[in-house]
PDB file of all heavy atoms in Angstrom:
ATOM      1  N   THR A   1      -3.794  -7.269   1.964  1.00  0.00           N
ATOM      2  CA  THR A   1      -3.476  -8.124   2.998  1.00  0.00           C
ATOM      3  C   THR A   1      -2.595  -9.347   2.381  1.00  0.00           C
ATOM      4  O   THR A   1      -1.657  -9.740   3.034  1.00  0.00           O
ATOM      5  CB  THR A   1      -4.693  -8.728   3.762  1.00  0.00           C
ATOM      6  OG1 THR A   1      -5.428  -7.601   4.335  1.00  0.00           O
ATOM      7  CG2 THR A   1      -4.341  -9.727   4.813  1.00  0.00           C
ATOM      8  N   TRP A   2      -3.087  -9.882   1.281  1.00  0.00           N
ATOM      9  CA  TRP A   2      -2.369 -10.928   0.642  1.00  0.00           C
ATOM     10  C   TRP A   2      -0.934 -10.444   0.319  1.00  0.00           C
ATOM     11  O   TRP A   2      -0.001 -11.113   0.614  1.00  0.00           O
ATOM     12  CB  TRP A   2      -3.160 -11.420  -0.671  1.00  0.00           C
ATOM     13  CG  TRP A   2      -2.306 -12.382  -1.381  1.00  0.00           C
ATOM     14  CD1 TRP A   2      -2.285 -13.718  -1.178  1.00  0.00           C
ATOM     15  CD2 TRP A   2      -1.364 -12.101  -2.551  1.00  0.00           C
ATOM     16  NE1 TRP A   2      -1.402 -14.337  -2.113  1.00  0.00           N
ATOM     17  CE2 TRP A   2      -0.848 -13.455  -2.878  1.00  0.00           C
ATOM     18  CE3 TRP A   2      -1.013 -10.847  -3.153  1.00  0.00           C
ATOM     19  CZ2 TRP A   2       0.120 -13.461  -4.002  1.00  0.00           C
ATOM     20  CZ3 TRP A   2      -0.109 -11.061  -4.212  1.00  0.00           C
ATOM     21  CH2 TRP A   2       0.467 -12.280  -4.622  1.00  0.00           C
ATOM     22  N   PHE A   3      -0.818  -9.269  -0.240  1.00  0.00           N
ATOM     23  CA  PHE A   3       0.462  -8.651  -0.627  1.00  0.00           C
ATOM     24  C   PHE A   3       1.421  -8.593   0.623  1.00  0.00           C
ATOM     25  O   PHE A   3       2.491  -8.943   0.583  1.00  0.00           O
ATOM     26  CB  PHE A   3       0.273  -7.423  -1.302  1.00  0.00           C
ATOM     27  CG  PHE A   3       1.590  -6.656  -1.647  1.00  0.00           C
ATOM     28  CD1 PHE A   3       2.181  -6.950  -2.892  1.00  0.00           C
ATOM     29  CD2 PHE A   3       2.164  -5.770  -0.725  1.00  0.00           C
ATOM     30  CE1 PHE A   3       3.457  -6.236  -3.185  1.00  0.00           C
ATOM     31  CE2 PHE A   3       3.329  -5.158  -1.000  1.00  0.00           C
ATOM     32  CZ  PHE A   3       3.974  -5.311  -2.305  1.00  0.00           C
ATOM     33  N   SER A   4       0.883  -8.169   1.695  1.00  0.00           N
ATOM     34  CA  SER A   4       1.526  -8.062   2.839  1.00  0.00           C
ATOM     35  C   SER A   4       2.013  -9.317   3.477  1.00  0.00           C
ATOM     36  O   SER A   4       3.067  -9.510   4.086  1.00  0.00           O
ATOM     37  CB  SER A   4       0.716  -7.241   4.032  1.00  0.00           C
ATOM     38  OG  SER A   4       1.441  -6.964   5.128  1.00  0.00           O
ATOM     39  N   ASN A   5       1.151 -10.348   3.384  1.00  0.00           N
ATOM     40  CA  ASN A   5       1.575 -11.636   3.876  1.00  0.00           C
ATOM     41  C   ASN A   5       2.472 -12.372   3.041  1.00  0.00           C
ATOM     42  O   ASN A   5       3.432 -13.144   3.461  1.00  0.00           O
ATOM     43  CB  ASN A   5       0.283 -12.603   3.950  1.00  0.00           C
ATOM     44  CG  ASN A   5      -0.580 -12.295   5.272  1.00  0.00           C
ATOM     45  OD1 ASN A   5      -0.114 -11.896   6.271  1.00  0.00           O
ATOM     46  ND2 ASN A   5      -1.863 -12.460   5.037  1.00  0.00           N
ATOM     47  N   VAL A   6       2.425 -12.197   1.681  1.00  0.00           N
ATOM     48  CA  VAL A   6       3.200 -13.021   0.708  1.00  0.00           C
ATOM     49  C   VAL A   6       4.394 -12.260   0.166  1.00  0.00           C
ATOM     50  O   VAL A   6       5.476 -12.883   0.127  1.00  0.00           O
ATOM     51  CB  VAL A   6       2.301 -13.565  -0.364  1.00  0.00           C
ATOM     52  CG1 VAL A   6       3.051 -14.250  -1.377  1.00  0.00           C
ATOM     53  CG2 VAL A   6       1.302 -14.352   0.289  1.00  0.00           C
ATOM     54  N   ILE A   7       4.175 -11.054  -0.331  1.00  0.00           N
ATOM     55  CA  ILE A   7       5.324 -10.453  -1.037  1.00  0.00           C
ATOM     56  C   ILE A   7       6.200  -9.525  -0.246  1.00  0.00           C
ATOM     57  O   ILE A   7       7.407  -9.732  -0.217  1.00  0.00           O
ATOM     58  CB  ILE A   7       4.717  -9.562  -2.170  1.00  0.00           C
ATOM     59  CG1 ILE A   7       3.788 -10.410  -3.071  1.00  0.00           C
ATOM     60  CG2 ILE A   7       5.847  -8.949  -3.113  1.00  0.00           C
ATOM     61  CD1 ILE A   7       4.308 -11.647  -3.672  1.00  0.00           C
ATOM     62  N   ARG A   8       5.670  -8.603   0.553  1.00  0.00           N
ATOM     63  CA  ARG A   8       6.445  -7.824   1.407  1.00  0.00           C
ATOM     64  C   ARG A   8       5.624  -7.318   2.626  1.00  0.00           C
ATOM     65  O   ARG A   8       4.566  -6.818   2.470  1.00  0.00           O
ATOM     66  CB  ARG A   8       6.739  -6.488   0.614  1.00  0.00           C
ATOM     67  CG  ARG A   8       8.294  -6.280   0.465  1.00  0.00           C
ATOM     68  CD  ARG A   8       8.946  -5.696   1.686  1.00  0.00           C
ATOM     69  NE  ARG A   8       8.816  -4.289   1.657  1.00  0.00           N
ATOM     70  CZ  ARG A   8       8.592  -3.563   2.766  1.00  0.00           C
ATOM     71  NH1 ARG A   8       8.258  -4.144   3.794  1.00  0.00           N
ATOM     72  NH2 ARG A   8       8.466  -2.268   2.634  1.00  0.00           N
ATOM     73  N   LYS A   9       6.088  -7.705   3.742  1.00  0.00           N
ATOM     74  CA  LYS A   9       5.310  -7.322   5.022  1.00  0.00           C
ATOM     75  C   LYS A   9       5.335  -5.837   5.173  1.00  0.00           C
ATOM     76  O   LYS A   9       6.340  -5.101   5.162  1.00  0.00           O
ATOM     77  CB  LYS A   9       6.174  -7.908   6.173  1.00  0.00           C
ATOM     78  CG  LYS A   9       5.340  -7.883   7.472  1.00  0.00           C
ATOM     79  CD  LYS A   9       4.094  -8.722   7.429  1.00  0.00           C
ATOM     80  CE  LYS A   9       3.374  -8.768   8.801  1.00  0.00           C
ATOM     81  NZ  LYS A   9       2.102  -9.663   8.761  1.00  0.00           N
ATOM     82  N   LEU A  10       4.157  -5.301   5.246  1.00  0.00           N
ATOM     83  CA  LEU A  10       3.979  -3.904   5.332  1.00  0.00           C
ATOM     84  C   LEU A  10       3.544  -3.498   6.845  1.00  0.00           C
ATOM     85  O   LEU A  10       2.851  -4.173   7.560  1.00  0.00           O
ATOM     86  CB  LEU A  10       2.777  -3.415   4.516  1.00  0.00           C
ATOM     87  CG  LEU A  10       2.768  -3.809   3.025  1.00  0.00           C
ATOM     88  CD1 LEU A  10       1.502  -3.314   2.341  1.00  0.00           C
ATOM     89  CD2 LEU A  10       4.029  -3.171   2.322  1.00  0.00           C
ATOM     90  N   ASN A  11       4.356  -2.519   7.317  1.00  0.00           N
ATOM     91  CA  ASN A  11       3.987  -1.902   8.543  1.00  0.00           C
ATOM     92  C   ASN A  11       2.772  -0.950   8.389  1.00  0.00           C
ATOM     93  O   ASN A  11       2.356  -0.700   7.283  1.00  0.00           O
ATOM     94  CB  ASN A  11       5.153  -1.158   9.340  1.00  0.00           C
ATOM     95  CG  ASN A  11       5.668  -0.050   8.424  1.00  0.00           C
ATOM     96  OD1 ASN A  11       4.941   0.650   7.770  1.00  0.00           O
ATOM     97  ND2 ASN A  11       7.098   0.094   8.405  1.00  0.00           N
ATOM     98  N   GLU A  12       2.346  -0.535   9.511  1.00  0.00           N
ATOM     99  CA  GLU A  12       1.049   0.267   9.437  1.00  0.00           C
ATOM    100  C   GLU A  12       1.308   1.567   8.624  1.00  0.00           C
ATOM    101  O   GLU A  12       0.388   1.869   7.774  1.00  0.00           O
ATOM    102  CB  GLU A  12       0.646   0.750  10.843  1.00  0.00           C
ATOM    103  CG  GLU A  12      -0.685   1.406  10.873  1.00  0.00           C
ATOM    104  CD  GLU A  12      -1.139   1.755  12.343  1.00  0.00           C
ATOM    105  OE1 GLU A  12      -0.452   1.314  13.284  1.00  0.00           O
ATOM    106  OE2 GLU A  12      -2.131   2.427  12.416  1.00  0.00           O
ATOM    107  N   GLU A  13       2.416   2.248   8.712  1.00  0.00           N
ATOM    108  CA  GLU A  13       2.703   3.491   7.984  1.00  0.00           C
ATOM    109  C   GLU A  13       2.773   3.103   6.488  1.00  0.00           C
ATOM    110  O   GLU A  13       2.154   3.836   5.615  1.00  0.00           O
ATOM    111  CB  GLU A  13       3.979   4.051   8.424  1.00  0.00           C
ATOM    112  CG  GLU A  13       4.431   5.373   7.674  1.00  0.00           C
ATOM    113  CD  GLU A  13       5.753   5.883   8.081  1.00  0.00           C
ATOM    114  OE1 GLU A  13       6.345   5.300   9.103  1.00  0.00           O
ATOM    115  OE2 GLU A  13       6.211   6.864   7.492  1.00  0.00           O
ATOM    116  N   GLU A  14       3.418   2.073   6.042  1.00  0.00           N
ATOM    117  CA  GLU A  14       3.518   1.684   4.663  1.00  0.00           C
ATOM    118  C   GLU A  14       2.108   1.358   4.104  1.00  0.00           C
ATOM    119  O   GLU A  14       1.774   1.654   3.040  1.00  0.00           O
ATOM    120  CB  GLU A  14       4.419   0.420   4.517  1.00  0.00           C
ATOM    121  CG  GLU A  14       5.946   0.823   4.752  1.00  0.00           C
ATOM    122  CD  GLU A  14       6.845  -0.378   4.831  1.00  0.00           C
ATOM    123  OE1 GLU A  14       6.271  -1.537   5.140  1.00  0.00           O
ATOM    124  OE2 GLU A  14       8.030  -0.260   4.550  1.00  0.00           O
ATOM    125  N   ARG A  15       1.366   0.573   4.888  1.00  0.00           N
ATOM    126  CA  ARG A  15       0.059   0.211   4.434  1.00  0.00           C
ATOM    127  C   ARG A  15      -0.922   1.440   4.207  1.00  0.00           C
ATOM    128  O   ARG A  15      -1.582   1.570   3.052  1.00  0.00           O
ATOM    129  CB  ARG A  15      -0.569  -0.739   5.402  1.00  0.00           C
ATOM    130  CG  ARG A  15      -1.924  -1.300   4.955  1.00  0.00           C
ATOM    131  CD  ARG A  15      -2.537  -2.097   6.073  1.00  0.00           C
ATOM    132  NE  ARG A  15      -3.936  -2.523   5.582  1.00  0.00           N
ATOM    133  CZ  ARG A  15      -4.203  -3.665   5.081  1.00  0.00           C
ATOM    134  NH1 ARG A  15      -3.181  -4.553   4.849  1.00  0.00           N
ATOM    135  NH2 ARG A  15      -5.433  -3.978   4.611  1.00  0.00           N
ATOM    136  N   ASN A  16      -0.720   2.428   5.031  1.00  0.00           N
ATOM    137  CA  ASN A  16      -1.657   3.596   5.000  1.00  0.00           C
ATOM    138  C   ASN A  16      -1.196   4.487   3.811  1.00  0.00           C
ATOM    139  O   ASN A  16      -2.099   4.967   3.113  1.00  0.00           O
ATOM    140  CB  ASN A  16      -1.573   4.316   6.228  1.00  0.00           C
ATOM    141  CG  ASN A  16      -2.236   3.731   7.515  1.00  0.00           C
ATOM    142  OD1 ASN A  16      -3.041   2.827   7.201  1.00  0.00           O
ATOM    143  ND2 ASN A  16      -1.867   3.960   8.650  1.00  0.00           N
ATOM    144  N   LEU A  17       0.096   4.505   3.542  1.00  0.00           N
ATOM    145  CA  LEU A  17       0.588   5.194   2.377  1.00  0.00           C
ATOM    146  C   LEU A  17       0.142   4.589   1.103  1.00  0.00           C
ATOM    147  O   LEU A  17      -0.250   5.324   0.242  1.00  0.00           O
ATOM    148  CB  LEU A  17       2.171   5.272   2.467  1.00  0.00           C
ATOM    149  CG  LEU A  17       2.808   5.964   1.170  1.00  0.00           C
ATOM    150  CD1 LEU A  17       2.421   7.390   1.147  1.00  0.00           C
ATOM    151  CD2 LEU A  17       4.326   5.880   1.357  1.00  0.00           C
ATOM    152  N   PHE A  18       0.234   3.281   1.101  1.00  0.00           N
ATOM    153  CA  PHE A  18      -0.270   2.465  -0.103  1.00  0.00           C
ATOM    154  C   PHE A  18      -1.650   2.786  -0.420  1.00  0.00           C
ATOM    155  O   PHE A  18      -2.157   3.063  -1.530  1.00  0.00           O
ATOM    156  CB  PHE A  18       0.060   1.024   0.063  1.00  0.00           C
ATOM    157  CG  PHE A  18      -0.121   0.223  -1.146  1.00  0.00           C
ATOM    158  CD1 PHE A  18      -0.092   0.825  -2.409  1.00  0.00           C
ATOM    159  CD2 PHE A  18      -0.328  -1.154  -1.073  1.00  0.00           C
ATOM    160  CE1 PHE A  18      -0.267  -0.020  -3.692  1.00  0.00           C
ATOM    161  CE2 PHE A  18      -0.509  -2.006  -2.201  1.00  0.00           C
ATOM    162  CZ  PHE A  18      -0.414  -1.411  -3.476  1.00  0.00           C
ATOM    163  N   ILE A  19      -2.527   2.699   0.602  1.00  0.00           N
ATOM    164  CA  ILE A  19      -3.928   2.957   0.507  1.00  0.00           C
ATOM    165  C   ILE A  19      -4.215   4.387   0.108  1.00  0.00           C
ATOM    166  O   ILE A  19      -5.020   4.571  -0.787  1.00  0.00           O
ATOM    167  CB  ILE A  19      -4.704   2.678   1.815  1.00  0.00           C
ATOM    168  CG1 ILE A  19      -4.638   1.174   2.125  1.00  0.00           C
ATOM    169  CG2 ILE A  19      -6.104   3.172   1.770  1.00  0.00           C
ATOM    170  CD1 ILE A  19      -5.192   0.687   3.464  1.00  0.00           C
ATOM    171  N   GLU A  20      -3.476   5.327   0.549  1.00  0.00           N
ATOM    172  CA  GLU A  20      -3.720   6.667   0.292  1.00  0.00           C
ATOM    173  C   GLU A  20      -3.395   6.869  -1.277  1.00  0.00           C
ATOM    174  O   GLU A  20      -4.122   7.661  -1.906  1.00  0.00           O
ATOM    175  CB  GLU A  20      -2.770   7.616   1.094  1.00  0.00           C
ATOM    176  CG  GLU A  20      -2.921   9.103   0.874  1.00  0.00           C
ATOM    177  CD  GLU A  20      -4.352   9.558   1.219  1.00  0.00           C
ATOM    178  OE1 GLU A  20      -4.987   8.962   2.112  1.00  0.00           O
ATOM    179  OE2 GLU A  20      -4.696  10.595   0.668  1.00  0.00           O
ATOM    180  N   GLN A  21      -2.247   6.368  -1.744  1.00  0.00           N
ATOM    181  CA  GLN A  21      -2.003   6.472  -3.170  1.00  0.00           C
ATOM    182  C   GLN A  21      -3.019   5.820  -4.116  1.00  0.00           C
ATOM    183  O   GLN A  21      -3.480   6.439  -5.107  1.00  0.00           O
ATOM    184  CB  GLN A  21      -0.576   5.766  -3.481  1.00  0.00           C
ATOM    185  CG  GLN A  21       0.641   6.482  -2.800  1.00  0.00           C
ATOM    186  CD  GLN A  21       0.794   7.795  -3.276  1.00  0.00           C
ATOM    187  OE1 GLN A  21       0.341   8.282  -4.312  1.00  0.00           O
ATOM    188  NE2 GLN A  21       1.390   8.696  -2.395  1.00  0.00           N
ATOM    189  N   ILE A  22      -3.760   4.722  -3.611  1.00  0.00           N
ATOM    190  CA  ILE A  22      -4.643   4.121  -4.360  1.00  0.00           C
ATOM    191  C   ILE A  22      -5.950   5.014  -4.376  1.00  0.00           C
ATOM    192  O   ILE A  22      -6.647   5.188  -5.375  1.00  0.00           O
ATOM    193  CB  ILE A  22      -5.046   2.766  -3.746  1.00  0.00           C
ATOM    194  CG1 ILE A  22      -3.868   1.821  -3.983  1.00  0.00           C
ATOM    195  CG2 ILE A  22      -6.291   2.168  -4.408  1.00  0.00           C
ATOM    196  CD1 ILE A  22      -4.016   0.418  -3.258  1.00  0.00           C
ATOM    197  N   ARG A  23      -6.229   5.585  -3.188  1.00  0.00           N
ATOM    198  CA  ARG A  23      -7.439   6.571  -3.129  1.00  0.00           C
ATOM    199  C   ARG A  23      -7.262   7.765  -4.141  1.00  0.00           C
ATOM    200  O   ARG A  23      -8.160   8.067  -4.845  1.00  0.00           O
ATOM    201  CB  ARG A  23      -7.463   7.131  -1.678  1.00  0.00           C
ATOM    202  CG  ARG A  23      -8.077   6.213  -0.705  1.00  0.00           C
ATOM    203  CD  ARG A  23      -7.985   6.885   0.637  1.00  0.00           C
ATOM    204  NE  ARG A  23      -8.627   6.015   1.661  1.00  0.00           N
ATOM    205  CZ  ARG A  23      -8.456   6.238   2.956  1.00  0.00           C
ATOM    206  NH1 ARG A  23      -7.650   7.172   3.356  1.00  0.00           N
ATOM    207  NH2 ARG A  23      -9.062   5.517   3.871  1.00  0.00           N
ATOM    208  N   LYS A  24      -6.038   8.184  -4.133  1.00  0.00           N
ATOM    209  CA  LYS A  24      -5.867   9.410  -5.107  1.00  0.00           C
ATOM    210  C   LYS A  24      -5.996   9.008  -6.479  1.00  0.00           C
ATOM    211  O   LYS A  24      -6.383   9.849  -7.392  1.00  0.00           O
ATOM    212  CB  LYS A  24      -4.389  10.039  -4.863  1.00  0.00           C
ATOM    213  CG  LYS A  24      -4.291  10.669  -3.435  1.00  0.00           C
ATOM    214  CD  LYS A  24      -2.940  11.280  -3.256  1.00  0.00           C
ATOM    215  CE  LYS A  24      -2.815  12.009  -1.880  1.00  0.00           C
ATOM    216  NZ  LYS A  24      -1.456  12.498  -1.626  1.00  0.00           N
ATOM    217  N   GLY A  25      -5.595   7.799  -6.864  1.00  0.00           N
ATOM    218  CA  GLY A  25      -5.707   7.307  -8.172  1.00  0.00           C
ATOM    219  C   GLY A  25      -4.746   7.788  -9.215  1.00  0.00           C
ATOM    220  O   GLY A  25      -4.873   7.622 -10.424  1.00  0.00           O
ATOM    221  N   ASP A  26      -3.752   8.596  -8.769  1.00  0.00           N
ATOM    222  CA  ASP A  26      -2.596   8.965  -9.677  1.00  0.00           C
ATOM    223  C   ASP A  26      -1.719   7.855  -9.931  1.00  0.00           C
ATOM    224  O   ASP A  26      -0.928   7.468  -9.053  1.00  0.00           O
ATOM    225  CB  ASP A  26      -1.906  10.127  -8.937  1.00  0.00           C
ATOM    226  CG  ASP A  26      -0.823  10.799  -9.935  1.00  0.00           C
ATOM    227  OD1 ASP A  26       0.157  10.115 -10.299  1.00  0.00           O
ATOM    228  OD2 ASP A  26      -1.085  12.033 -10.283  1.00  0.00           O
ATOM    229  N   VAL A  27      -1.726   7.467 -11.168  1.00  0.00           N
ATOM    230  CA  VAL A  27      -0.972   6.208 -11.604  1.00  0.00           C
ATOM    231  C   VAL A  27       0.554   6.383 -11.287  1.00  0.00           C
ATOM    232  O   VAL A  27       1.231   5.497 -10.807  1.00  0.00           O
ATOM    233  CB  VAL A  27      -1.191   5.856 -13.020  1.00  0.00           C
ATOM    234  CG1 VAL A  27      -0.252   4.696 -13.467  1.00  0.00           C
ATOM    235  CG2 VAL A  27      -2.623   5.450 -13.288  1.00  0.00           C
ATOM    236  N   LYS A  28       1.066   7.586 -11.636  1.00  0.00           N
ATOM    237  CA  LYS A  28       2.479   7.923 -11.387  1.00  0.00           C
ATOM    238  C   LYS A  28       2.850   7.745  -9.976  1.00  0.00           C
ATOM    239  O   LYS A  28       3.937   7.146  -9.635  1.00  0.00           O
ATOM    240  CB  LYS A  28       2.831   9.216 -12.000  1.00  0.00           C
ATOM    241  CG  LYS A  28       4.227   9.606 -11.837  1.00  0.00           C
ATOM    242  CD  LYS A  28       4.576  10.992 -12.449  1.00  0.00           C
ATOM    243  CE  LYS A  28       6.062  11.322 -12.301  1.00  0.00           C
ATOM    244  NZ  LYS A  28       6.384  12.637 -12.878  1.00  0.00           N
ATOM    245  N   HIS A  29       2.098   8.291  -9.076  1.00  0.00           N
ATOM    246  CA  HIS A  29       2.442   8.316  -7.686  1.00  0.00           C
ATOM    247  C   HIS A  29       2.140   6.911  -7.114  1.00  0.00           C
ATOM    248  O   HIS A  29       2.906   6.463  -6.278  1.00  0.00           O
ATOM    249  CB  HIS A  29       1.490   9.340  -6.867  1.00  0.00           C
ATOM    250  CG  HIS A  29       2.031  10.740  -7.058  1.00  0.00           C
ATOM    251  ND1 HIS A  29       1.405  11.539  -7.918  1.00  0.00           N
ATOM    252  CD2 HIS A  29       2.928  11.436  -6.394  1.00  0.00           C
ATOM    253  CE1 HIS A  29       2.039  12.790  -7.903  1.00  0.00           C
ATOM    254  NE2 HIS A  29       3.010  12.734  -6.957  1.00  0.00           N
TER     255      HIS A  29
END
């Protein structure tokens, strides 16, 4: 949420994609 407020506003699709990549834990992805 801080990143979205301060660095780059994330839309819902971008936020969900970011969360999904964190869940998977693949550093490259």
